[in-house]
């Protein structure tokens, strides 16, 4: 079933159009990498603030309020561009365990990022950010670093992409 879907995606005329020329494929990759930088950068700043390492002169809530819209916009662009890149070579990605690991790490990073986003306004009202909240922020940060490493590893270790 998944291979059938992958075959359909890979042979879809829109996917072929967007991945079929060098400049559109390059533009998709640039959008993917740039949006990943903005995504990870914005969440990392908030995670580091929760950890008490960065931007200690600002409230965590204010910082998060400013940066999370950037995170969501970048996440949307990253998912869209990543899907287009996946669809262009779906038949090699679907059975690829390294790609599965990458997607799992990214999904976990998004979940932990959402936990931080929802938690920051509550944590910022307390006299001090709880240790467990700092642990959540640390895991979020590590997962995003893992997502970057996994993203680079897919083509390097599997030949896909």
C-alpha atoms as a PDB file:
ATOM      1  CA  UNK A   1       0.000   0.000   0.000  1.00  0.00           C
ATOM      2  CA  UNK A   2       2.729   2.505   0.971  1.00  0.00           C
ATOM      3  CA  UNK A   3       4.807   1.634  -2.081  1.00  0.00           C
ATOM      4  CA  UNK A   4       1.732   2.189  -4.260  1.00  0.00           C
ATOM      5  CA  UNK A   5       1.252   5.612  -2.652  1.00  0.00           C
ATOM      6  CA  UNK A   6       4.961   6.341  -3.097  1.00  0.00           C
ATOM      7  CA  UNK A   7       4.809   5.373  -6.767  1.00  0.00           C
ATOM      8  CA  UNK A   8       1.793   7.637  -7.253  1.00  0.00           C
ATOM      9  CA  UNK A   9       3.515  10.548  -5.489  1.00  0.00           C
ATOM     10  CA  UNK A  10       6.755  10.118  -7.374  1.00  0.00           C
ATOM     11  CA  UNK A  11       4.939  10.059 -10.719  1.00  0.00           C
ATOM     12  CA  UNK A  12       2.536  12.919  -9.903  1.00  0.00           C
ATOM     13  CA  UNK A  13       2.823  15.680 -12.500  1.00  0.00           C
ATOM     14  CA  UNK A  14       3.027  18.476  -9.904  1.00  0.00           C
ATOM     15  CA  UNK A  15       5.778  16.666  -8.000  1.00  0.00           C
ATOM     16  CA  UNK A  16       7.638  16.008 -11.256  1.00  0.00           C
ATOM     17  CA  UNK A  17       7.284  19.677 -12.208  1.00  0.00           C
ATOM     18  CA  UNK A  18       8.613  20.894  -8.838  1.00  0.00           C
ATOM     19  CA  UNK A  19      11.436  18.352  -8.593  1.00  0.00           C
ATOM     20  CA  UNK A  20      12.130  17.953 -12.301  1.00  0.00           C
ATOM     21  CA  UNK A  21      14.338  20.947 -12.946  1.00  0.00           C
ATOM     22  CA  UNK A  22      17.552  21.861 -11.205  1.00  0.00           C
ATOM     23  CA  UNK A  23      16.427  25.327 -10.132  1.00  0.00           C
ATOM     24  CA  UNK A  24      13.075  24.192  -8.635  1.00  0.00           C
ATOM     25  CA  UNK A  25      14.730  21.292  -6.806  1.00  0.00           C
ATOM     26  CA  UNK A  26      17.428  23.655  -5.510  1.00  0.00           C
ATOM     27  CA  UNK A  27      14.837  26.239  -4.453  1.00  0.00           C
ATOM     28  CA  UNK A  28      12.909  23.553  -2.556  1.00  0.00           C
ATOM     29  CA  UNK A  29      16.089  22.498  -0.747  1.00  0.00           C
ATOM     30  CA  UNK A  30      16.996  26.096   0.107  1.00  0.00           C
ATOM     31  CA  UNK A  31      13.500  26.666   1.513  1.00  0.00           C
ATOM     32  CA  UNK A  32      13.778  23.417   3.473  1.00  0.00           C
ATOM     33  CA  UNK A  33      17.153  24.267   5.009  1.00  0.00           C
ATOM     34  CA  UNK A  34      16.367  27.928   5.649  1.00  0.00           C
ATOM     35  CA  UNK A  35      13.059  27.076   7.318  1.00  0.00           C
ATOM     36  CA  UNK A  36      14.854  24.462   9.449  1.00  0.00           C
ATOM     37  CA  UNK A  37      17.336  27.142  10.577  1.00  0.00           C
ATOM     38  CA  UNK A  38      14.524  29.503  11.560  1.00  0.00           C
ATOM     39  CA  UNK A  39      12.544  26.683  13.202  1.00  0.00           C
ATOM     40  CA  UNK A  40      15.408  25.311  15.261  1.00  0.00           C
ATOM     41  CA  UNK A  41      16.837  28.745  15.993  1.00  0.00           C
ATOM     42  CA  UNK A  42      13.591  30.123  17.375  1.00  0.00           C
ATOM     43  CA  UNK A  43      12.842  27.099  19.522  1.00  0.00           C
ATOM     44  CA  UNK A  44      16.466  26.841  20.671  1.00  0.00           C
ATOM     45  CA  UNK A  45      16.441  30.423  21.948  1.00  0.00           C
ATOM     46  CA  UNK A  46      13.305  29.722  23.994  1.00  0.00           C
ATOM     47  CA  UNK A  47      14.684  26.381  25.218  1.00  0.00           C
ATOM     48  CA  UNK A  48      17.943  28.071  26.245  1.00  0.00           C
ATOM     49  CA  UNK A  49      15.958  30.807  28.034  1.00  0.00           C
ATOM     50  CA  UNK A  50      13.986  28.179  29.957  1.00  0.00           C
ATOM     51  CA  UNK A  51      17.297  26.551  30.868  1.00  0.00           C
ATOM     52  CA  UNK A  52      18.520  29.937  32.141  1.00  0.00           C
ATOM     53  CA  UNK A  53      21.427  30.052  29.694  1.00  0.00           C
ATOM     54  CA  UNK A  54      20.314  32.802  27.280  1.00  0.00           C
ATOM     55  CA  UNK A  55      18.275  36.014  27.297  1.00  0.00           C
ATOM     56  CA  UNK A  56      17.971  36.043  31.079  1.00  0.00           C
ATOM     57  CA  UNK A  57      17.070  39.734  31.048  1.00  0.00           C
ATOM     58  CA  UNK A  58      13.804  38.969  29.201  1.00  0.00           C
ATOM     59  CA  UNK A  59      10.841  37.055  30.482  1.00  0.00           C
ATOM     60  CA  UNK A  60      10.520  33.611  28.949  1.00  0.00           C
ATOM     61  CA  UNK A  61       6.884  34.347  28.073  1.00  0.00           C
ATOM     62  CA  UNK A  62       7.706  37.512  26.153  1.00  0.00           C
ATOM     63  CA  UNK A  63      10.522  35.821  24.293  1.00  0.00           C
ATOM     64  CA  UNK A  64       8.323  32.847  23.434  1.00  0.00           C
ATOM     65  CA  UNK A  65       5.493  35.138  22.351  1.00  0.00           C
ATOM     66  CA  UNK A  66       7.835  36.837  19.896  1.00  0.00           C
ATOM     67  CA  UNK A  67       9.533  33.721  18.557  1.00  0.00           C
ATOM     68  CA  UNK A  68       6.852  31.024  18.408  1.00  0.00           C
ATOM     69  CA  UNK A  69       5.013  32.578  15.417  1.00  0.00           C
ATOM     70  CA  UNK A  70       8.310  32.308  13.533  1.00  0.00           C
ATOM     71  CA  UNK A  71       8.627  28.708  14.670  1.00  0.00           C
ATOM     72  CA  UNK A  72       5.149  27.796  13.380  1.00  0.00           C
ATOM     73  CA  UNK A  73       5.643  29.537  10.035  1.00  0.00           C
ATOM     74  CA  UNK A  74       9.031  27.872   9.601  1.00  0.00           C
ATOM     75  CA  UNK A  75       7.587  24.488  10.593  1.00  0.00           C
ATOM     76  CA  UNK A  76       4.869  24.837   7.946  1.00  0.00           C
ATOM     77  CA  UNK A  77       7.426  25.709   5.240  1.00  0.00           C
ATOM     78  CA  UNK A  78       9.715  22.922   6.411  1.00  0.00           C
ATOM     79  CA  UNK A  79       6.981  20.291   6.305  1.00  0.00           C
ATOM     80  CA  UNK A  80       5.809  21.426   2.875  1.00  0.00           C
ATOM     81  CA  UNK A  81       9.292  21.545   1.351  1.00  0.00           C
ATOM     82  CA  UNK A  82      10.246  18.277   3.053  1.00  0.00           C
ATOM     83  CA  UNK A  83       7.141  16.600   1.680  1.00  0.00           C
ATOM     84  CA  UNK A  84       7.984  17.805  -1.847  1.00  0.00           C
ATOM     85  CA  UNK A  85      11.521  16.462  -1.500  1.00  0.00           C
ATOM     86  CA  UNK A  86      10.175  13.161  -0.141  1.00  0.00           C
ATOM     87  CA  UNK A  87       7.554  12.862  -2.891  1.00  0.00           C
ATOM     88  CA  UNK A  88      10.172  13.294  -5.607  1.00  0.00           C
ATOM     89  CA  UNK A  89      11.984  10.146  -4.458  1.00  0.00           C
ATOM     90  CA  UNK A  90       9.313   8.443  -2.356  1.00  0.00           C
ATOM     91  CA  UNK A  91      10.118   4.900  -3.480  1.00  0.00           C
ATOM     92  CA  UNK A  92      13.615   5.126  -2.002  1.00  0.00           C
ATOM     93  CA  UNK A  93      12.485   6.865   1.209  1.00  0.00           C
ATOM     94  CA  UNK A  94       9.572   4.582   2.139  1.00  0.00           C
ATOM     95  CA  UNK A  95      11.635   1.464   2.921  1.00  0.00           C
ATOM     96  CA  UNK A  96      14.558   3.476   4.366  1.00  0.00           C
ATOM     97  CA  UNK A  97      14.951   2.903   8.129  1.00  0.00           C
ATOM     98  CA  UNK A  98      17.268   5.918   8.472  1.00  0.00           C
ATOM     99  CA  UNK A  99      14.529   8.122   6.996  1.00  0.00           C
ATOM    100  CA  UNK A 100      12.010   6.581   9.431  1.00  0.00           C
ATOM    101  CA  UNK A 101      14.324   7.433  12.331  1.00  0.00           C
ATOM    102  CA  UNK A 102      14.644  11.024  11.072  1.00  0.00           C
ATOM    103  CA  UNK A 103      10.874  11.459  10.852  1.00  0.00           C
ATOM    104  CA  UNK A 104      10.458   9.978  14.343  1.00  0.00           C
ATOM    105  CA  UNK A 105      13.035  12.356  15.834  1.00  0.00           C
ATOM    106  CA  UNK A 106      11.425  15.342  14.083  1.00  0.00           C
ATOM    107  CA  UNK A 107       7.953  14.382  15.331  1.00  0.00           C
ATOM    108  CA  UNK A 108       9.252  13.992  18.893  1.00  0.00           C
ATOM    109  CA  UNK A 109      11.020  17.360  18.611  1.00  0.00           C
ATOM    110  CA  UNK A 110       7.771  18.997  17.487  1.00  0.00           C
ATOM    111  CA  UNK A 111       5.901  17.429  20.427  1.00  0.00           C
ATOM    112  CA  UNK A 112       8.499  18.629  22.936  1.00  0.00           C
ATOM    113  CA  UNK A 113       8.539  22.050  21.272  1.00  0.00           C
ATOM    114  CA  UNK A 114       4.771  22.253  21.732  1.00  0.00           C
ATOM    115  CA  UNK A 115       5.094  21.232  25.383  1.00  0.00           C
ATOM    116  CA  UNK A 116       7.605  24.057  25.885  1.00  0.00           C
ATOM    117  CA  UNK A 117       5.345  26.509  24.048  1.00  0.00           C
ATOM    118  CA  UNK A 118       2.327  25.616  26.176  1.00  0.00           C
ATOM    119  CA  UNK A 119       4.370  25.493  29.379  1.00  0.00           C
ATOM    120  CA  UNK A 120       6.358  28.721  29.161  1.00  0.00           C
ATOM    121  CA  UNK A 121       3.492  31.070  30.170  1.00  0.00           C
ATOM    122  CA  UNK A 122       2.792  28.927  33.265  1.00  0.00           C
ATOM    123  CA  UNK A 123       6.448  28.372  34.143  1.00  0.00           C
ATOM    124  CA  UNK A 124       7.218  32.078  33.838  1.00  0.00           C
ATOM    125  CA  UNK A 125       4.612  32.898  36.521  1.00  0.00           C
ATOM    126  CA  UNK A 126       6.409  30.762  39.106  1.00  0.00           C
ATOM    127  CA  UNK A 127       9.188  32.119  41.334  1.00  0.00           C
ATOM    128  CA  UNK A 128      11.621  29.888  39.415  1.00  0.00           C
ATOM    129  CA  UNK A 129      11.265  27.636  36.392  1.00  0.00           C
ATOM    130  CA  UNK A 130      10.905  24.067  37.727  1.00  0.00           C
ATOM    131  CA  UNK A 131      13.677  21.534  37.157  1.00  0.00           C
ATOM    132  CA  UNK A 132      11.336  19.235  35.238  1.00  0.00           C
ATOM    133  CA  UNK A 133      10.484  22.113  32.862  1.00  0.00           C
ATOM    134  CA  UNK A 134      14.185  22.673  32.286  1.00  0.00           C
ATOM    135  CA  UNK A 135      14.518  18.968  31.531  1.00  0.00           C
ATOM    136  CA  UNK A 136      11.712  19.244  28.960  1.00  0.00           C
ATOM    137  CA  UNK A 137      13.491  22.214  27.343  1.00  0.00           C
ATOM    138  CA  UNK A 138      16.787  20.307  27.315  1.00  0.00           C
ATOM    139  CA  UNK A 139      15.152  17.275  25.678  1.00  0.00           C
ATOM    140  CA  UNK A 140      13.516  19.612  23.132  1.00  0.00           C
ATOM    141  CA  UNK A 141      16.874  21.160  22.304  1.00  0.00           C
ATOM    142  CA  UNK A 142      18.598  17.779  22.014  1.00  0.00           C
ATOM    143  CA  UNK A 143      15.826  16.423  19.798  1.00  0.00           C
ATOM    144  CA  UNK A 144      16.183  19.374  17.412  1.00  0.00           C
ATOM    145  CA  UNK A 145      19.940  18.828  17.245  1.00  0.00           C
ATOM    146  CA  UNK A 146      19.154  15.157  16.600  1.00  0.00           C
ATOM    147  CA  UNK A 147      16.713  16.136  13.845  1.00  0.00           C
ATOM    148  CA  UNK A 148      19.435  18.132  12.104  1.00  0.00           C
ATOM    149  CA  UNK A 149      21.942  15.282  12.425  1.00  0.00           C
ATOM    150  CA  UNK A 150      19.363  12.764  11.207  1.00  0.00           C
ATOM    151  CA  UNK A 151      18.475  14.991   8.261  1.00  0.00           C
ATOM    152  CA  UNK A 152      22.107  15.133   7.189  1.00  0.00           C
ATOM    153  CA  UNK A 153      22.523  11.412   7.791  1.00  0.00           C
ATOM    154  CA  UNK A 154      19.718  10.243   5.495  1.00  0.00           C
ATOM    155  CA  UNK A 155      21.553  10.974   2.233  1.00  0.00           C
ATOM    156  CA  UNK A 156      24.996  10.343   3.731  1.00  0.00           C
ATOM    157  CA  UNK A 157      24.198   6.881   5.110  1.00  0.00           C
ATOM    158  CA  UNK A 158      21.489   5.644   2.783  1.00  0.00           C
ATOM    159  CA  UNK A 159      22.169   7.230  -0.586  1.00  0.00           C
ATOM    160  CA  UNK A 160      18.561   8.520  -0.673  1.00  0.00           C
ATOM    161  CA  UNK A 161      17.946  12.206  -1.160  1.00  0.00           C
END
